[in-house]
């Protein structure tokens, strides 16, 4: 089977596997710096999700046992879908809901940290790769809301 080429020259297969990050060194660094003697890092790190199949809808895993919070993902963060995702959205006519339940859309890993440690967590993670705050955890009823980067839709899972 031959590879399908993207209009900009790479193959679809290559596009879907780049960039590939190994998150473990960054996670280890974060956990070590948030651990203080007998006090565990879990005081500040409340959850982690590798965004693979299932896309950002996988954020439900962070609140699966809680029904008193929501996760709100903003469209204003700077982690934008790569060209391959825009191509899939446009040329395959995939809806925002399909995009956010199938692909990572440029976000490979999500870590929920306490608000007071957010800036410090980003400092640690940015030593390894580009990391940004993409949203907030707020009081709620167990929903994940994603403001789509593809259109004006607000998706709720």
Foldseek 3Di string as FASTA:
>chain_A
DDFPADPVGHTLVVVQPPPPDDCVVLVVQQQVVLDDVPRGSCVWWQDKDFAAQQAPQCCLVSQVVPFFKEWEFELPDDQAADPSLVCCCPVVVDDLVRSRGGHNRRDGMDIGTDPVCVVVSCVSNVVRPHDDDGTDMGTHGSWYWYQGNNDRDIDID
